[in-house]
Amino acid sequence: MRDVARLVETGSVATEPDPADRRRRLVHPAAHPSARVAEVRATTIDDALTAALTAPDGTAPDPQLFHEVATALDTLARHLTPAAARSR
């Protein structure tokens, strides 16, 4: 529940009592996400990688480094499945 509470605090999701079981809460995307959530949702992975890999002096990331990081993230994403998490 702590993770859901954090998502509620940031405006990502909203919760409501489950009409079938009042002890439970239903979680759904927020109808009106916060400005920060909207910003994150609008940012592409390329934008995020460029921002993360740009040097402190503003120098754009090396295209080869960008490609290597993107490839590594793609590989990681393929291996980070719910089934893989359960099997460990």
PDB file of N, CA and C in Angstrom:
ATOM      1  N   MET A   1       0.809  -1.206   0.000  1.00  0.00           N
ATOM      2  CA  MET A   1       0.000   0.000   0.000  1.00  0.00           C
ATOM      3  C   MET A   1       0.851   1.268   0.000  1.00  0.00           C
ATOM      4  N   ARG A   2       2.071   1.162   0.500  1.00  0.00           N
ATOM      5  CA  ARG A   2       2.930   2.348   0.545  1.00  0.00           C
ATOM      6  C   ARG A   2       3.180   2.884  -0.865  1.00  0.00           C
ATOM      7  N   ASP A   3       3.397   1.978  -1.819  1.00  0.00           N
ATOM      8  CA  ASP A   3       3.639   2.408  -3.198  1.00  0.00           C
ATOM      9  C   ASP A   3       2.406   3.085  -3.782  1.00  0.00           C
ATOM     10  N   VAL A   4       1.239   2.529  -3.518  1.00  0.00           N
ATOM     11  CA  VAL A   4       0.003   3.142  -4.015  1.00  0.00           C
ATOM     12  C   VAL A   4      -0.180   4.511  -3.368  1.00  0.00           C
ATOM     13  N   ALA A   5       0.109   4.624  -2.089  1.00  0.00           N
ATOM     14  CA  ALA A   5      -0.023   5.911  -1.400  1.00  0.00           C
ATOM     15  C   ALA A   5       0.887   6.958  -2.043  1.00  0.00           C
ATOM     16  N   ARG A   6       2.099   6.551  -2.419  1.00  0.00           N
ATOM     17  CA  ARG A   6       3.015   7.489  -3.092  1.00  0.00           C
ATOM     18  C   ARG A   6       2.456   7.919  -4.438  1.00  0.00           C
ATOM     19  N   LEU A   7       1.860   6.982  -5.172  1.00  0.00           N
ATOM     20  CA  LEU A   7       1.271   7.321  -6.467  1.00  0.00           C
ATOM     21  C   LEU A   7       0.081   8.265  -6.305  1.00  0.00           C
ATOM     22  N   VAL A   8      -0.687   8.073  -5.250  1.00  0.00           N
ATOM     23  CA  VAL A   8      -1.815   8.985  -4.967  1.00  0.00           C
ATOM     24  C   VAL A   8      -1.267  10.375  -4.643  1.00  0.00           C
ATOM     25  N   GLU A   9      -0.227  10.433  -3.802  1.00  0.00           N
ATOM     26  CA  GLU A   9       0.368  11.711  -3.414  1.00  0.00           C
ATOM     27  C   GLU A   9       0.903  12.486  -4.614  1.00  0.00           C
ATOM     28  N   THR A  10       1.463  11.779  -5.581  1.00  0.00           N
ATOM     29  CA  THR A  10       2.040  12.456  -6.751  1.00  0.00           C
ATOM     30  C   THR A  10       1.007  12.773  -7.813  1.00  0.00           C
ATOM     31  N   GLY A  11      -0.219  12.309  -7.627  1.00  0.00           N
ATOM     32  CA  GLY A  11      -1.271  12.608  -8.583  1.00  0.00           C
ATOM     33  C   GLY A  11      -1.336  11.653  -9.759  1.00  0.00           C
ATOM     34  N   SER A  12      -0.672  10.508  -9.654  1.00  0.00           N
ATOM     35  CA  SER A  12      -0.671   9.531 -10.744  1.00  0.00           C
ATOM     36  C   SER A  12      -1.947   8.707 -10.786  1.00  0.00           C
ATOM     37  N   VAL A  13      -2.424   8.335  -9.604  1.00  0.00           N
ATOM     38  CA  VAL A  13      -3.611   7.491  -9.514  1.00  0.00           C
ATOM     39  C   VAL A  13      -4.564   8.031  -8.465  1.00  0.00           C
ATOM     40  N   ALA A  14      -5.771   7.529  -8.512  1.00  0.00           N
ATOM     41  CA  ALA A  14      -6.774   7.830  -7.482  1.00  0.00           C
ATOM     42  C   ALA A  14      -7.307   6.492  -6.982  1.00  0.00           C
ATOM     43  N   THR A  15      -7.833   6.491  -5.799  1.00  0.00           N
ATOM     44  CA  THR A  15      -8.419   5.271  -5.248  1.00  0.00           C
ATOM     45  C   THR A  15      -9.841   5.551  -4.795  1.00  0.00           C
ATOM     46  N   GLU A  16     -10.603   4.471  -4.710  1.00  0.00           N
ATOM     47  CA  GLU A  16     -11.960   4.578  -4.198  1.00  0.00           C
ATOM     48  C   GLU A  16     -12.323   3.248  -3.560  1.00  0.00           C
ATOM     49  N   PRO A  17     -13.258   3.247  -2.631  1.00  0.00           N
ATOM     50  CA  PRO A  17     -13.651   1.984  -2.005  1.00  0.00           C
ATOM     51  C   PRO A  17     -14.240   1.032  -3.047  1.00  0.00           C
ATOM     52  N   ASP A  18     -13.934  -0.237  -2.893  1.00  0.00           N
ATOM     53  CA  ASP A  18     -14.497  -1.272  -3.765  1.00  0.00           C
ATOM     54  C   ASP A  18     -15.932  -1.520  -3.315  1.00  0.00           C
ATOM     55  N   PRO A  19     -16.921  -1.286  -4.178  1.00  0.00           N
ATOM     56  CA  PRO A  19     -18.312  -1.478  -3.755  1.00  0.00           C
ATOM     57  C   PRO A  19     -18.629  -2.929  -3.375  1.00  0.00           C
ATOM     58  N   ALA A  20     -17.868  -3.866  -3.922  1.00  0.00           N
ATOM     59  CA  ALA A  20     -18.116  -5.279  -3.613  1.00  0.00           C
ATOM     60  C   ALA A  20     -17.488  -5.695  -2.284  1.00  0.00           C
ATOM     61  N   ASP A  21     -16.479  -4.963  -1.833  1.00  0.00           N
ATOM     62  CA  ASP A  21     -15.787  -5.307  -0.585  1.00  0.00           C
ATOM     63  C   ASP A  21     -15.189  -4.028  -0.019  1.00  0.00           C
ATOM     64  N   ARG A  22     -15.854  -3.415   0.931  1.00  0.00           N
ATOM     65  CA  ARG A  22     -15.456  -2.105   1.458  1.00  0.00           C
ATOM     66  C   ARG A  22     -14.084  -2.126   2.143  1.00  0.00           C
ATOM     67  N   ARG A  23     -13.537  -3.300   2.392  1.00  0.00           N
ATOM     68  CA  ARG A  23     -12.197  -3.374   2.989  1.00  0.00           C
ATOM     69  C   ARG A  23     -11.114  -3.097   1.951  1.00  0.00           C
ATOM     70  N   ARG A  24     -11.466  -3.210   0.685  1.00  0.00           N
ATOM     71  CA  ARG A  24     -10.512  -3.029  -0.407  1.00  0.00           C
ATOM     72  C   ARG A  24     -10.703  -1.667  -1.077  1.00  0.00           C
ATOM     73  N   ARG A  25      -9.662  -1.243  -1.800  1.00  0.00           N
ATOM     74  CA  ARG A  25      -9.743   0.001  -2.550  1.00  0.00           C
ATOM     75  C   ARG A  25      -9.396  -0.295  -4.009  1.00  0.00           C
ATOM     76  N   LEU A  26     -10.116   0.331  -4.913  1.00  0.00           N
ATOM     77  CA  LEU A  26      -9.844   0.221  -6.330  1.00  0.00           C
ATOM     78  C   LEU A  26      -8.883   1.337  -6.729  1.00  0.00           C
ATOM     79  N   VAL A  27      -7.930   1.017  -7.574  1.00  0.00           N
ATOM     80  CA  VAL A  27      -6.924   1.978  -8.015  1.00  0.00           C
ATOM     81  C   VAL A  27      -7.119   2.204  -9.516  1.00  0.00           C
ATOM     82  N   HIS A  28      -7.133   3.462  -9.926  1.00  0.00           N
ATOM     83  CA  HIS A  28      -7.281   3.791 -11.343  1.00  0.00           C
ATOM     84  C   HIS A  28      -6.485   5.058 -11.652  1.00  0.00           C
ATOM     85  N   PRO A  29      -6.139   5.271 -12.929  1.00  0.00           N
ATOM     86  CA  PRO A  29      -5.392   6.488 -13.278  1.00  0.00           C
ATOM     87  C   PRO A  29      -6.156   7.730 -12.841  1.00  0.00           C
ATOM     88  N   ALA A  30      -5.423   8.721 -12.394  1.00  0.00           N
ATOM     89  CA  ALA A  30      -6.046   9.970 -11.956  1.00  0.00           C
ATOM     90  C   ALA A  30      -6.736  10.651 -13.142  1.00  0.00           C
ATOM     91  N   ALA A  31      -7.924  11.159 -12.887  1.00  0.00           N
ATOM     92  CA  ALA A  31      -8.678  11.854 -13.944  1.00  0.00           C
ATOM     93  C   ALA A  31      -7.938  13.111 -14.389  1.00  0.00           C
ATOM     94  N   HIS A  32      -7.318  13.785 -13.459  1.00  0.00           N
ATOM     95  CA  HIS A  32      -6.578  15.011 -13.743  1.00  0.00           C
ATOM     96  C   HIS A  32      -5.192  14.886 -13.120  1.00  0.00           C
ATOM     97  N   PRO A  33      -4.238  14.313 -13.877  1.00  0.00           N
ATOM     98  CA  PRO A  33      -2.906  14.115 -13.301  1.00  0.00           C
ATOM     99  C   PRO A  33      -2.241  15.444 -12.959  1.00  0.00           C
ATOM    100  N   SER A  34      -1.337  15.379 -12.001  1.00  0.00           N
ATOM    101  CA  SER A  34      -0.601  16.577 -11.618  1.00  0.00           C
ATOM    102  C   SER A  34       0.263  17.045 -12.786  1.00  0.00           C
ATOM    103  N   ALA A  35       0.741  18.271 -12.700  1.00  0.00           N
ATOM    104  CA  ALA A  35       1.594  18.823 -13.760  1.00  0.00           C
ATOM    105  C   ALA A  35       2.846  17.966 -13.929  1.00  0.00           C
ATOM    106  N   ARG A  36       3.396  17.483 -12.831  1.00  0.00           N
ATOM    107  CA  ARG A  36       4.606  16.657 -12.895  1.00  0.00           C
ATOM    108  C   ARG A  36       4.316  15.332 -13.595  1.00  0.00           C
ATOM    109  N   VAL A  37       3.189  14.710 -13.281  1.00  0.00           N
ATOM    110  CA  VAL A  37       2.815  13.448 -13.925  1.00  0.00           C
ATOM    111  C   VAL A  37       2.605  13.683 -15.416  1.00  0.00           C
ATOM    112  N   ALA A  38       1.941  14.744 -15.776  1.00  0.00           N
ATOM    113  CA  ALA A  38       1.724  15.057 -17.190  1.00  0.00           C
ATOM    114  C   ALA A  38       3.059  15.274 -17.905  1.00  0.00           C
ATOM    115  N   GLU A  39       3.990  15.940 -17.244  1.00  0.00           N
ATOM    116  CA  GLU A  39       5.314  16.176 -17.824  1.00  0.00           C
ATOM    117  C   GLU A  39       6.048  14.854 -18.056  1.00  0.00           C
ATOM    118  N   VAL A  40       6.025  13.976 -17.070  1.00  0.00           N
ATOM    119  CA  VAL A  40       6.694  12.681 -17.199  1.00  0.00           C
ATOM    120  C   VAL A  40       6.059  11.857 -18.314  1.00  0.00           C
ATOM    121  N   ARG A  41       4.742  11.842 -18.361  1.00  0.00           N
ATOM    122  CA  ARG A  41       4.049  11.073 -19.400  1.00  0.00           C
ATOM    123  C   ARG A  41       4.343  11.603 -20.804  1.00  0.00           C
ATOM    124  N   ALA A  42       4.592  12.900 -20.922  1.00  0.00           N
ATOM    125  CA  ALA A  42       4.847  13.505 -22.225  1.00  0.00           C
ATOM    126  C   ALA A  42       6.303  13.366 -22.669  1.00  0.00           C
ATOM    127  N   THR A  43       7.184  12.965 -21.774  1.00  0.00           N
ATOM    128  CA  THR A  43       8.605  12.855 -22.092  1.00  0.00           C
ATOM    129  C   THR A  43       8.893  11.504 -22.726  1.00  0.00           C
ATOM    130  N   THR A  44       9.571  11.531 -23.861  1.00  0.00           N
ATOM    131  CA  THR A  44       9.938  10.279 -24.523  1.00  0.00           C
ATOM    132  C   THR A  44      11.200   9.710 -23.887  1.00  0.00           C
ATOM    133  N   ILE A  45      11.456   8.439 -24.141  1.00  0.00           N
ATOM    134  CA  ILE A  45      12.671   7.827 -23.617  1.00  0.00           C
ATOM    135  C   ILE A  45      13.901   8.507 -24.210  1.00  0.00           C
ATOM    136  N   ASP A  46      13.830   8.902 -25.474  1.00  0.00           N
ATOM    137  CA  ASP A  46      14.968   9.601 -26.080  1.00  0.00           C
ATOM    138  C   ASP A  46      15.234  10.926 -25.376  1.00  0.00           C
ATOM    139  N   ASP A  47      14.166  11.653 -25.029  1.00  0.00           N
ATOM    140  CA  ASP A  47      14.329  12.915 -24.294  1.00  0.00           C
ATOM    141  C   ASP A  47      14.976  12.670 -22.929  1.00  0.00           C
ATOM    142  N   ALA A  48      14.490  11.643 -22.239  1.00  0.00           N
ATOM    143  CA  ALA A  48      15.020  11.340 -20.906  1.00  0.00           C
ATOM    144  C   ALA A  48      16.484  10.913 -20.981  1.00  0.00           C
ATOM    145  N   LEU A  49      16.828  10.071 -21.949  1.00  0.00           N
ATOM    146  CA  LEU A  49      18.226   9.642 -22.095  1.00  0.00           C
ATOM    147  C   LEU A  49      19.126  10.810 -22.464  1.00  0.00           C
ATOM    148  N   THR A  50      18.672  11.661 -23.362  1.00  0.00           N
ATOM    149  CA  THR A  50      19.476  12.828 -23.737  1.00  0.00           C
ATOM    150  C   THR A  50      19.731  13.704 -22.521  1.00  0.00           C
ATOM    151  N   ALA A  51      18.698  13.944 -21.732  1.00  0.00           N
ATOM    152  CA  ALA A  51      18.873  14.771 -20.529  1.00  0.00           C
ATOM    153  C   ALA A  51      19.823  14.106 -19.539  1.00  0.00           C
ATOM    154  N   ALA A  52      19.693  12.789 -19.367  1.00  0.00           N
ATOM    155  CA  ALA A  52      20.536  12.080 -18.407  1.00  0.00           C
ATOM    156  C   ALA A  52      21.986  11.991 -18.850  1.00  0.00           C
ATOM    157  N   LEU A  53      22.213  11.916 -20.158  1.00  0.00           N
ATOM    158  CA  LEU A  53      23.571  11.716 -20.671  1.00  0.00           C
ATOM    159  C   LEU A  53      24.276  12.995 -21.110  1.00  0.00           C
ATOM    160  N   THR A  54      23.568  14.123 -21.053  1.00  0.00           N
ATOM    161  CA  THR A  54      24.196  15.398 -21.415  1.00  0.00           C
ATOM    162  C   THR A  54      25.209  15.772 -20.337  1.00  0.00           C
ATOM    163  N   ALA A  55      26.383  16.195 -20.781  1.00  0.00           N
ATOM    164  CA  ALA A  55      27.445  16.571 -19.843  1.00  0.00           C
ATOM    165  C   ALA A  55      27.038  17.803 -19.042  1.00  0.00           C
ATOM    166  N   PRO A  56      27.629  17.987 -17.852  1.00  0.00           N
ATOM    167  CA  PRO A  56      27.304  19.164 -17.030  1.00  0.00           C
ATOM    168  C   PRO A  56      27.505  20.492 -17.759  1.00  0.00           C
ATOM    169  N   ASP A  57      28.429  20.513 -18.729  1.00  0.00           N
ATOM    170  CA  ASP A  57      28.663  21.764 -19.468  1.00  0.00           C
ATOM    171  C   ASP A  57      27.688  21.939 -20.628  1.00  0.00           C
ATOM    172  N   GLY A  58      26.730  21.006 -20.777  1.00  0.00           N
ATOM    173  CA  GLY A  58      25.726  21.113 -21.822  1.00  0.00           C
ATOM    174  C   GLY A  58      26.079  20.406 -23.118  1.00  0.00           C
ATOM    175  N   THR A  59      27.243  19.768 -23.130  1.00  0.00           N
ATOM    176  CA  THR A  59      27.654  19.038 -24.324  1.00  0.00           C
ATOM    177  C   THR A  59      26.714  17.858 -24.545  1.00  0.00           C
ATOM    178  N   ALA A  60      26.235  17.735 -25.774  1.00  0.00           N
ATOM    179  CA  ALA A  60      25.311  16.645 -26.119  1.00  0.00           C
ATOM    180  C   ALA A  60      25.999  15.300 -25.935  1.00  0.00           C
ATOM    181  N   PRO A  61      25.214  14.270 -25.617  1.00  0.00           N
ATOM    182  CA  PRO A  61      25.815  12.947 -25.422  1.00  0.00           C
ATOM    183  C   PRO A  61      26.406  12.396 -26.725  1.00  0.00           C
ATOM    184  N   ASP A  62      27.456  11.631 -26.588  1.00  0.00           N
ATOM    185  CA  ASP A  62      28.067  10.958 -27.715  1.00  0.00           C
ATOM    186  C   ASP A  62      27.055   9.981 -28.312  1.00  0.00           C
ATOM    187  N   PRO A  63      26.837  10.011 -29.611  1.00  0.00           N
ATOM    188  CA  PRO A  63      25.848   9.118 -30.227  1.00  0.00           C
ATOM    189  C   PRO A  63      26.105   7.640 -29.928  1.00  0.00           C
ATOM    190  N   GLN A  64      27.369   7.241 -29.869  1.00  0.00           N
ATOM    191  CA  GLN A  64      27.688   5.839 -29.566  1.00  0.00           C
ATOM    192  C   GLN A  64      27.272   5.491 -28.134  1.00  0.00           C
ATOM    193  N   LEU A  65      27.541   6.385 -27.189  1.00  0.00           N
ATOM    194  CA  LEU A  65      27.127   6.161 -25.806  1.00  0.00           C
ATOM    195  C   LEU A  65      25.608   6.086 -25.717  1.00  0.00           C
ATOM    196  N   PHE A  66      24.938   6.994 -26.410  1.00  0.00           N
ATOM    197  CA  PHE A  66      23.480   6.996 -26.420  1.00  0.00           C
ATOM    198  C   PHE A  66      22.964   5.648 -26.916  1.00  0.00           C
ATOM    199  N   HIS A  67      23.515   5.156 -28.012  1.00  0.00           N
ATOM    200  CA  HIS A  67      23.102   3.874 -28.583  1.00  0.00           C
ATOM    201  C   HIS A  67      23.368   2.729 -27.599  1.00  0.00           C
ATOM    202  N   GLU A  68      24.530   2.714 -26.963  1.00  0.00           N
ATOM    203  CA  GLU A  68      24.874   1.648 -26.019  1.00  0.00           C
ATOM    204  C   GLU A  68      23.916   1.630 -24.828  1.00  0.00           C
ATOM    205  N   VAL A  69      23.606   2.804 -24.295  1.00  0.00           N
ATOM    206  CA  VAL A  69      22.698   2.878 -23.152  1.00  0.00           C
ATOM    207  C   VAL A  69      21.288   2.451 -23.558  1.00  0.00           C
ATOM    208  N   ALA A  70      20.826   2.926 -24.708  1.00  0.00           N
ATOM    209  CA  ALA A  70      19.496   2.550 -25.190  1.00  0.00           C
ATOM    210  C   ALA A  70      19.405   1.046 -25.413  1.00  0.00           C
ATOM    211  N   THR A  71      20.446   0.453 -25.972  1.00  0.00           N
ATOM    212  CA  THR A  71      20.478  -0.997 -26.193  1.00  0.00           C
ATOM    213  C   THR A  71      20.468  -1.744 -24.859  1.00  0.00           C
ATOM    214  N   ALA A  72      21.242  -1.272 -23.913  1.00  0.00           N
ATOM    215  CA  ALA A  72      21.274  -1.915 -22.598  1.00  0.00           C
ATOM    216  C   ALA A  72      19.905  -1.832 -21.913  1.00  0.00           C
ATOM    217  N   LEU A  73      19.247  -0.691 -22.010  1.00  0.00           N
ATOM    218  CA  LEU A  73      17.917  -0.543 -21.406  1.00  0.00           C
ATOM    219  C   LEU A  73      16.893  -1.447 -22.086  1.00  0.00           C
ATOM    220  N   ASP A  74      17.001  -1.588 -23.397  1.00  0.00           N
ATOM    221  CA  ASP A  74      16.106  -2.481 -24.124  1.00  0.00           C
ATOM    222  C   ASP A  74      16.301  -3.924 -23.659  1.00  0.00           C
ATOM    223  N   THR A  75      17.549  -4.337 -23.520  1.00  0.00           N
ATOM    224  CA  THR A  75      17.853  -5.687 -23.035  1.00  0.00           C
ATOM    225  C   THR A  75      17.310  -5.880 -21.630  1.00  0.00           C
ATOM    226  N   LEU A  76      17.525  -4.919 -20.779  1.00  0.00           N
ATOM    227  CA  LEU A  76      17.026  -4.995 -19.408  1.00  0.00           C
ATOM    228  C   LEU A  76      15.505  -5.083 -19.375  1.00  0.00           C
ATOM    229  N   ALA A  77      14.839  -4.288 -20.185  1.00  0.00           N
ATOM    230  CA  ALA A  77      13.370  -4.297 -20.223  1.00  0.00           C
ATOM    231  C   ALA A  77      12.833  -5.661 -20.644  1.00  0.00           C
ATOM    232  N   ARG A  78      13.523  -6.313 -21.565  1.00  0.00           N
ATOM    233  CA  ARG A  78      13.076  -7.644 -22.003  1.00  0.00           C
ATOM    234  C   ARG A  78      13.195  -8.673 -20.893  1.00  0.00           C
ATOM    235  N   HIS A  79      14.131  -8.473 -19.984  1.00  0.00           N
ATOM    236  CA  HIS A  79      14.356  -9.435 -18.900  1.00  0.00           C
ATOM    237  C   HIS A  79      13.606  -9.098 -17.620  1.00  0.00           C
ATOM    238  N   LEU A  80      13.115  -7.895 -17.499  1.00  0.00           N
ATOM    239  CA  LEU A  80      12.390  -7.478 -16.293  1.00  0.00           C
ATOM    240  C   LEU A  80      10.888  -7.671 -16.493  1.00  0.00           C
ATOM    241  N   THR A  81      10.490  -8.893 -16.572  1.00  0.00           N
ATOM    242  CA  THR A  81       9.075  -9.219 -16.726  1.00  0.00           C
ATOM    243  C   THR A  81       8.519  -9.651 -15.381  1.00  0.00           C
ATOM    244  N   PRO A  82       7.220  -9.565 -15.189  1.00  0.00           N
ATOM    245  CA  PRO A  82       6.641 -10.046 -13.921  1.00  0.00           C
ATOM    246  C   PRO A  82       6.995 -11.508 -13.662  1.00  0.00           C
ATOM    247  N   ALA A  83       7.016 -12.329 -14.691  1.00  0.00           N
ATOM    248  CA  ALA A  83       7.340 -13.750 -14.503  1.00  0.00           C
ATOM    249  C   ALA A  83       8.777 -13.900 -14.028  1.00  0.00           C
ATOM    250  N   ALA A  84       9.699 -13.104 -14.575  1.00  0.00           N
ATOM    251  CA  ALA A  84      11.099 -13.184 -14.156  1.00  0.00           C
ATOM    252  C   ALA A  84      11.255 -12.752 -12.706  1.00  0.00           C
ATOM    253  N   ALA A  85      10.516 -11.751 -12.297  1.00  0.00           N
ATOM    254  CA  ALA A  85      10.586 -11.273 -10.915  1.00  0.00           C
ATOM    255  C   ALA A  85      10.084 -12.330  -9.938  1.00  0.00           C
ATOM    256  N   ARG A  86       9.042 -13.054 -10.315  1.00  0.00           N
ATOM    257  CA  ARG A  86       8.479 -14.080  -9.438  1.00  0.00           C
ATOM    258  C   ARG A  86       9.401 -15.292  -9.316  1.00  0.00           C
ATOM    259  N   SER A  87      10.197 -15.566 -10.343  1.00  0.00           N
ATOM    260  CA  SER A  87      11.008 -16.777 -10.341  1.00  0.00           C
ATOM    261  C   SER A  87      12.278 -16.631  -9.504  1.00  0.00           C
ATOM    262  N   ARG A  88      12.553 -15.484  -9.002  1.00  0.00           N
ATOM    263  CA  ARG A  88      13.805 -15.290  -8.230  1.00  0.00           C
ATOM    264  C   ARG A  88      13.583 -15.410  -6.774  1.00  0.00           C
TER     265      ARG A  88
END
